[in-house]
């Protein structure tokens, strides 16, 4: 085996390693997407069930629901179909954290949820 063959084998092994890492990452991402899809399906099911309960128990109409959704959406000044994350203050160390965090990055204290659907 000459020097070129040794170099070429090294390049092949490196490419194989890169391909294996990419395949592992792809599998992780696919698993994460499947988990998110399951969570989205459950949230959609829960939302529909709650809406049907509310509608059947009171005088709330679909237009009332849509108006409230628009009101909540506009709280951040933009109608974009999202609840914009807000800053949360840690109850222990009083530092700011992103609203999607469950625990303070500084002291690991559980952070309060800004709304029911941000709780995990």
N, C-alpha and C. Protein backbone atom coordinates (compact mmCIF):
# COMPACT_ATOMS: atom_id res chain seq x y z
N UNK A 1 0.85 -1.17 0.00
CA UNK A 1 0.00 0.00 0.00
C UNK A 1 0.90 1.24 0.00
N UNK A 2 0.66 2.16 -0.93
CA UNK A 2 1.51 3.35 -1.01
C UNK A 2 0.90 4.50 -0.21
N UNK A 3 1.60 5.58 -0.17
CA UNK A 3 1.20 6.74 0.63
C UNK A 3 -0.16 7.29 0.20
N UNK A 4 -0.42 7.30 -1.09
CA UNK A 4 -1.71 7.79 -1.59
C UNK A 4 -2.86 6.91 -1.10
N UNK A 5 -2.66 5.59 -1.10
CA UNK A 5 -3.70 4.67 -0.63
C UNK A 5 -3.99 4.89 0.86
N UNK A 6 -2.96 5.11 1.63
CA UNK A 6 -3.13 5.36 3.06
C UNK A 6 -3.92 6.66 3.27
N UNK A 7 -3.53 7.70 2.53
CA UNK A 7 -4.24 8.98 2.62
C UNK A 7 -5.70 8.81 2.21
N UNK A 8 -5.93 8.10 1.13
CA UNK A 8 -7.28 7.89 0.63
C UNK A 8 -8.14 7.11 1.63
N UNK A 9 -7.56 6.10 2.26
CA UNK A 9 -8.29 5.34 3.28
C UNK A 9 -8.65 6.23 4.46
N UNK A 10 -7.75 7.11 4.85
CA UNK A 10 -8.03 8.05 5.93
C UNK A 10 -9.18 8.98 5.56
N UNK A 11 -9.18 9.47 4.34
CA UNK A 11 -10.25 10.34 3.87
C UNK A 11 -11.59 9.59 3.86
N UNK A 12 -11.57 8.34 3.44
CA UNK A 12 -12.78 7.52 3.40
C UNK A 12 -13.31 7.32 4.82
N UNK A 13 -12.45 7.00 5.77
CA UNK A 13 -12.87 6.81 7.16
C UNK A 13 -13.46 8.11 7.74
N UNK A 14 -12.82 9.22 7.41
CA UNK A 14 -13.32 10.51 7.88
C UNK A 14 -14.70 10.79 7.29
N UNK A 15 -14.89 10.52 6.02
CA UNK A 15 -16.19 10.74 5.38
C UNK A 15 -17.24 9.81 5.97
N UNK A 16 -16.87 8.57 6.26
CA UNK A 16 -17.81 7.64 6.87
C UNK A 16 -18.22 8.11 8.26
N UNK A 17 -17.27 8.60 9.02
CA UNK A 17 -17.58 9.14 10.35
C UNK A 17 -18.52 10.33 10.27
N UNK A 18 -18.25 11.21 9.32
CA UNK A 18 -19.13 12.37 9.13
C UNK A 18 -20.53 11.92 8.75
N UNK A 19 -20.63 10.94 7.87
CA UNK A 19 -21.94 10.43 7.44
C UNK A 19 -22.67 9.77 8.61
N UNK A 20 -21.96 9.04 9.46
CA UNK A 20 -22.59 8.40 10.62
C UNK A 20 -23.10 9.44 11.61
N UNK A 21 -22.32 10.50 11.84
CA UNK A 21 -22.77 11.57 12.74
C UNK A 21 -24.00 12.28 12.17
N UNK A 22 -24.00 12.49 10.86
CA UNK A 22 -25.15 13.13 10.22
C UNK A 22 -26.39 12.24 10.33
N UNK A 23 -26.22 10.95 10.15
CA UNK A 23 -27.35 10.02 10.26
C UNK A 23 -27.89 10.01 11.69
N UNK A 24 -26.99 10.04 12.69
CA UNK A 24 -27.42 10.09 14.09
C UNK A 24 -28.21 11.37 14.37
N UNK A 25 -27.69 12.49 13.89
CA UNK A 25 -28.36 13.77 14.10
C UNK A 25 -29.73 13.78 13.42
N UNK A 26 -29.80 13.22 12.23
CA UNK A 26 -31.07 13.14 11.51
C UNK A 26 -32.08 12.32 12.30
N UNK A 27 -31.65 11.21 12.86
CA UNK A 27 -32.55 10.37 13.66
C UNK A 27 -33.03 11.13 14.90
N UNK A 28 -32.16 11.89 15.53
CA UNK A 28 -32.54 12.68 16.70
C UNK A 28 -33.58 13.74 16.32
N UNK A 29 -33.34 14.42 15.21
CA UNK A 29 -34.26 15.46 14.76
C UNK A 29 -35.61 14.85 14.40
N UNK A 30 -35.61 13.71 13.72
CA UNK A 30 -36.87 13.05 13.38
C UNK A 30 -37.64 12.65 14.63
N UNK A 31 -36.95 12.15 15.62
CA UNK A 31 -37.59 11.77 16.88
C UNK A 31 -38.18 13.00 17.57
N UNK A 32 -37.44 14.11 17.56
CA UNK A 32 -37.92 15.34 18.17
C UNK A 32 -39.16 15.85 17.43
N UNK A 33 -39.15 15.79 16.11
CA UNK A 33 -40.30 16.23 15.32
C UNK A 33 -41.52 15.36 15.64
N UNK A 34 -41.33 14.06 15.74
CA UNK A 34 -42.45 13.17 16.07
C UNK A 34 -43.01 13.50 17.45
N UNK A 35 -42.13 13.80 18.41
CA UNK A 35 -42.59 14.18 19.75
C UNK A 35 -43.38 15.48 19.69
N UNK A 36 -42.89 16.46 18.94
CA UNK A 36 -43.61 17.73 18.81
C UNK A 36 -44.96 17.53 18.13
N UNK A 37 -45.01 16.67 17.13
CA UNK A 37 -46.29 16.39 16.46
C UNK A 37 -47.28 15.74 17.41
N UNK A 38 -46.81 14.81 18.26
CA UNK A 38 -47.70 14.19 19.25
C UNK A 38 -48.22 15.24 20.24
N UNK A 39 -47.33 16.11 20.69
CA UNK A 39 -47.73 17.16 21.63
C UNK A 39 -48.71 18.12 20.99
N UNK A 40 -48.48 18.48 19.73
CA UNK A 40 -49.39 19.36 19.02
C UNK A 40 -50.76 18.71 18.86
N UNK A 41 -50.78 17.44 18.51
CA UNK A 41 -52.05 16.72 18.38
C UNK A 41 -52.82 16.72 19.70
N UNK A 42 -52.13 16.47 20.81
CA UNK A 42 -52.79 16.46 22.13
C UNK A 42 -53.31 17.85 22.48
N UNK A 43 -52.53 18.87 22.20
CA UNK A 43 -52.95 20.24 22.49
C UNK A 43 -54.16 20.61 21.63
N UNK A 44 -54.15 20.23 20.37
CA UNK A 44 -55.29 20.50 19.49
C UNK A 44 -56.53 19.79 20.01
N UNK A 45 -56.38 18.54 20.40
CA UNK A 45 -57.50 17.77 20.93
C UNK A 45 -58.04 18.41 22.22
N UNK A 46 -57.14 18.80 23.12
CA UNK A 46 -57.56 19.43 24.38
C UNK A 46 -58.24 20.77 24.11
N UNK A 47 -57.71 21.55 23.18
CA UNK A 47 -58.32 22.84 22.86
C UNK A 47 -59.72 22.66 22.29
N UNK A 48 -59.87 21.71 21.39
CA UNK A 48 -61.19 21.47 20.80
C UNK A 48 -62.17 21.00 21.87
N UNK A 49 -61.74 20.09 22.74
CA UNK A 49 -62.61 19.60 23.80
C UNK A 49 -63.02 20.73 24.75
N UNK A 50 -62.06 21.58 25.12
CA UNK A 50 -62.39 22.70 26.02
C UNK A 50 -63.36 23.66 25.33
N UNK A 51 -63.12 23.94 24.06
CA UNK A 51 -63.99 24.85 23.35
C UNK A 51 -65.41 24.29 23.27
N UNK A 52 -65.54 23.02 22.97
CA UNK A 52 -66.87 22.41 22.89
C UNK A 52 -67.58 22.45 24.24
N UNK A 53 -66.82 22.22 25.32
CA UNK A 53 -67.41 22.32 26.66
C UNK A 53 -67.88 23.75 26.96
N UNK A 54 -67.03 24.72 26.70
CA UNK A 54 -67.39 26.11 26.95
C UNK A 54 -68.61 26.53 26.13
N UNK A 55 -68.60 26.17 24.87
CA UNK A 55 -69.70 26.56 23.99
C UNK A 55 -71.02 25.92 24.46
N UNK A 56 -70.96 24.67 24.89
CA UNK A 56 -72.19 23.98 25.30
C UNK A 56 -72.70 24.44 26.67
N UNK A 57 -71.83 25.00 27.50
CA UNK A 57 -72.21 25.40 28.85
C UNK A 57 -72.62 26.86 28.97
N UNK A 58 -72.39 27.63 27.96
CA UNK A 58 -72.68 29.05 28.11
C UNK A 58 -73.18 29.66 26.82
N UNK A 59 -73.06 30.96 26.78
CA UNK A 59 -73.52 31.72 25.63
C UNK A 59 -72.33 32.25 24.84
N UNK A 60 -71.32 31.44 24.72
CA UNK A 60 -70.12 31.85 24.00
C UNK A 60 -70.19 31.27 22.59
N UNK A 61 -69.92 32.12 21.63
CA UNK A 61 -70.00 31.69 20.23
C UNK A 61 -68.61 31.60 19.62
N UNK A 62 -68.57 31.06 18.42
CA UNK A 62 -67.29 30.99 17.70
C UNK A 62 -66.72 32.40 17.49
N UNK A 63 -67.57 33.37 17.23
CA UNK A 63 -67.08 34.74 17.01
C UNK A 63 -66.50 35.32 18.30
N UNK A 64 -67.08 34.97 19.47
CA UNK A 64 -66.48 35.39 20.75
C UNK A 64 -65.07 34.81 20.89
N UNK A 65 -64.93 33.54 20.57
CA UNK A 65 -63.62 32.88 20.67
C UNK A 65 -62.62 33.55 19.73
N UNK A 66 -63.02 33.79 18.49
CA UNK A 66 -62.10 34.40 17.53
C UNK A 66 -61.69 35.80 17.97
N UNK A 67 -62.63 36.56 18.51
CA UNK A 67 -62.31 37.91 19.00
C UNK A 67 -61.31 37.85 20.15
N UNK A 68 -61.50 36.90 21.06
CA UNK A 68 -60.58 36.76 22.20
C UNK A 68 -59.20 36.32 21.72
N UNK A 69 -59.17 35.41 20.74
CA UNK A 69 -57.88 34.98 20.19
C UNK A 69 -57.13 36.16 19.58
N UNK A 70 -57.86 37.01 18.86
CA UNK A 70 -57.24 38.19 18.26
C UNK A 70 -56.73 39.14 19.34
N UNK A 71 -57.53 39.33 20.40
CA UNK A 71 -57.11 40.19 21.51
C UNK A 71 -55.82 39.69 22.14
N UNK A 72 -55.76 38.40 22.42
CA UNK A 72 -54.56 37.82 23.03
C UNK A 72 -53.36 37.95 22.09
N UNK A 73 -53.60 37.69 20.80
CA UNK A 73 -52.53 37.79 19.81
C UNK A 73 -51.97 39.21 19.73
N UNK A 74 -52.82 40.21 19.85
CA UNK A 74 -52.40 41.60 19.71
C UNK A 74 -51.76 42.19 20.97
N UNK A 75 -51.69 41.44 22.06
CA UNK A 75 -51.11 41.98 23.30
C UNK A 75 -49.66 42.43 23.13
N UNK A 76 -48.96 41.84 22.19
CA UNK A 76 -47.57 42.25 21.96
C UNK A 76 -47.47 43.29 20.85
N UNK A 77 -48.62 43.75 20.34
CA UNK A 77 -48.62 44.77 19.30
C UNK A 77 -48.57 44.24 17.89
N UNK A 78 -48.53 42.92 17.72
CA UNK A 78 -48.46 42.32 16.38
C UNK A 78 -49.50 41.21 16.27
N UNK A 79 -50.20 41.20 15.15
CA UNK A 79 -51.13 40.10 14.88
C UNK A 79 -50.37 39.09 14.02
N UNK A 80 -49.76 38.11 14.72
CA UNK A 80 -48.91 37.15 14.02
C UNK A 80 -49.24 35.70 14.36
N UNK A 81 -50.31 35.47 15.10
CA UNK A 81 -50.72 34.12 15.44
C UNK A 81 -49.88 33.47 16.52
N UNK A 82 -49.12 34.27 17.28
CA UNK A 82 -48.24 33.71 18.31
C UNK A 82 -48.37 34.51 19.60
N UNK A 83 -48.10 33.82 20.69
CA UNK A 83 -47.91 34.51 21.96
C UNK A 83 -46.42 34.77 22.07
N UNK A 84 -46.06 36.03 22.08
CA UNK A 84 -44.65 36.38 22.11
C UNK A 84 -44.08 36.10 23.49
N UNK A 85 -42.92 35.44 23.53
CA UNK A 85 -42.29 35.19 24.83
C UNK A 85 -42.00 36.51 25.56
N UNK A 86 -42.10 36.44 26.86
CA UNK A 86 -41.84 37.62 27.69
C UNK A 86 -40.73 37.29 28.69
N UNK A 87 -40.24 38.30 29.34
CA UNK A 87 -39.21 38.12 30.35
C UNK A 87 -39.88 37.71 31.66
N UNK A 88 -39.34 36.69 32.31
CA UNK A 88 -39.81 36.28 33.63
C UNK A 88 -38.71 36.62 34.63
N UNK A 89 -39.10 37.00 35.82
CA UNK A 89 -38.13 37.30 36.88
C UNK A 89 -38.11 36.13 37.85
N UNK A 90 -36.91 35.64 38.13
CA UNK A 90 -36.74 34.53 39.06
C UNK A 90 -37.19 34.96 40.45
N UNK A 91 -38.04 34.16 41.10
CA UNK A 91 -38.51 34.53 42.44
C UNK A 91 -37.41 34.44 43.50
N UNK A 92 -36.32 33.73 43.20
CA UNK A 92 -35.25 33.58 44.20
C UNK A 92 -34.12 34.59 44.00
N UNK A 93 -33.53 34.61 42.80
CA UNK A 93 -32.37 35.48 42.58
C UNK A 93 -32.73 36.79 41.88
N UNK A 94 -33.98 36.91 41.43
CA UNK A 94 -34.51 38.13 40.81
C UNK A 94 -33.83 38.50 39.50
N UNK A 95 -33.25 37.52 38.82
CA UNK A 95 -32.67 37.76 37.50
C UNK A 95 -33.71 37.44 36.44
N UNK A 96 -33.53 38.04 35.27
CA UNK A 96 -34.47 37.84 34.17
C UNK A 96 -34.18 36.54 33.44
N UNK A 97 -35.26 35.89 32.98
CA UNK A 97 -35.15 34.67 32.18
C UNK A 97 -36.18 34.73 31.06
N UNK A 98 -35.93 33.96 30.03
CA UNK A 98 -36.86 33.82 28.91
C UNK A 98 -38.10 33.09 29.39
N UNK A 99 -39.27 33.46 28.89
CA UNK A 99 -40.52 32.86 29.38
C UNK A 99 -40.66 31.39 29.05
N UNK A 100 -39.88 30.86 28.11
CA UNK A 100 -40.02 29.45 27.77
C UNK A 100 -39.13 28.55 28.64
N UNK A 101 -38.34 29.13 29.49
CA UNK A 101 -37.51 28.35 30.39
C UNK A 101 -38.34 27.86 31.58
N UNK A 102 -38.03 26.65 32.02
CA UNK A 102 -38.72 26.10 33.18
C UNK A 102 -38.02 26.47 34.48
N UNK A 103 -36.67 26.62 34.39
CA UNK A 103 -35.87 26.91 35.58
C UNK A 103 -34.92 28.06 35.28
N UNK A 104 -34.58 28.80 36.32
CA UNK A 104 -33.63 29.91 36.21
C UNK A 104 -32.26 29.35 35.80
N UNK A 105 -31.63 29.98 34.83
CA UNK A 105 -30.31 29.51 34.39
C UNK A 105 -29.23 29.84 35.41
N UNK A 106 -29.52 30.74 36.34
CA UNK A 106 -28.53 31.15 37.33
C UNK A 106 -28.59 30.31 38.61
N UNK A 107 -29.83 30.05 39.10
CA UNK A 107 -29.94 29.36 40.39
C UNK A 107 -30.80 28.10 40.35
N UNK A 108 -31.32 27.74 39.16
CA UNK A 108 -32.12 26.52 38.95
C UNK A 108 -33.48 26.51 39.65
N UNK A 109 -33.93 27.66 40.15
CA UNK A 109 -35.25 27.74 40.77
C UNK A 109 -36.32 27.61 39.69
N UNK A 110 -37.40 26.91 40.01
CA UNK A 110 -38.51 26.80 39.06
C UNK A 110 -39.10 28.18 38.82
N UNK A 111 -39.34 28.49 37.56
CA UNK A 111 -39.87 29.80 37.19
C UNK A 111 -41.38 29.74 37.02
N UNK A 112 -42.08 30.81 37.37
CA UNK A 112 -43.53 30.83 37.17
C UNK A 112 -43.86 30.88 35.68
N UNK A 113 -45.00 30.31 35.31
CA UNK A 113 -45.43 30.34 33.91
C UNK A 113 -46.23 31.60 33.65
N UNK A 114 -45.97 32.27 32.52
CA UNK A 114 -46.70 33.49 32.21
C UNK A 114 -48.17 33.22 31.83
N UNK A 115 -48.44 32.02 31.35
CA UNK A 115 -49.81 31.64 31.03
C UNK A 115 -49.91 30.12 31.09
N UNK A 116 -51.11 29.63 31.16
CA UNK A 116 -51.38 28.22 31.34
C UNK A 116 -50.72 27.35 30.28
N UNK A 117 -50.72 27.77 29.03
CA UNK A 117 -50.23 26.94 27.95
C UNK A 117 -48.72 26.99 27.77
N UNK A 118 -48.05 27.86 28.48
CA UNK A 118 -46.59 27.86 28.47
C UNK A 118 -46.05 26.90 29.53
N UNK A 119 -46.89 26.47 30.46
CA UNK A 119 -46.47 25.53 31.52
C UNK A 119 -46.16 24.19 30.90
N UNK A 120 -45.14 23.54 31.42
CA UNK A 120 -44.76 22.22 30.90
C UNK A 120 -44.57 21.27 32.04
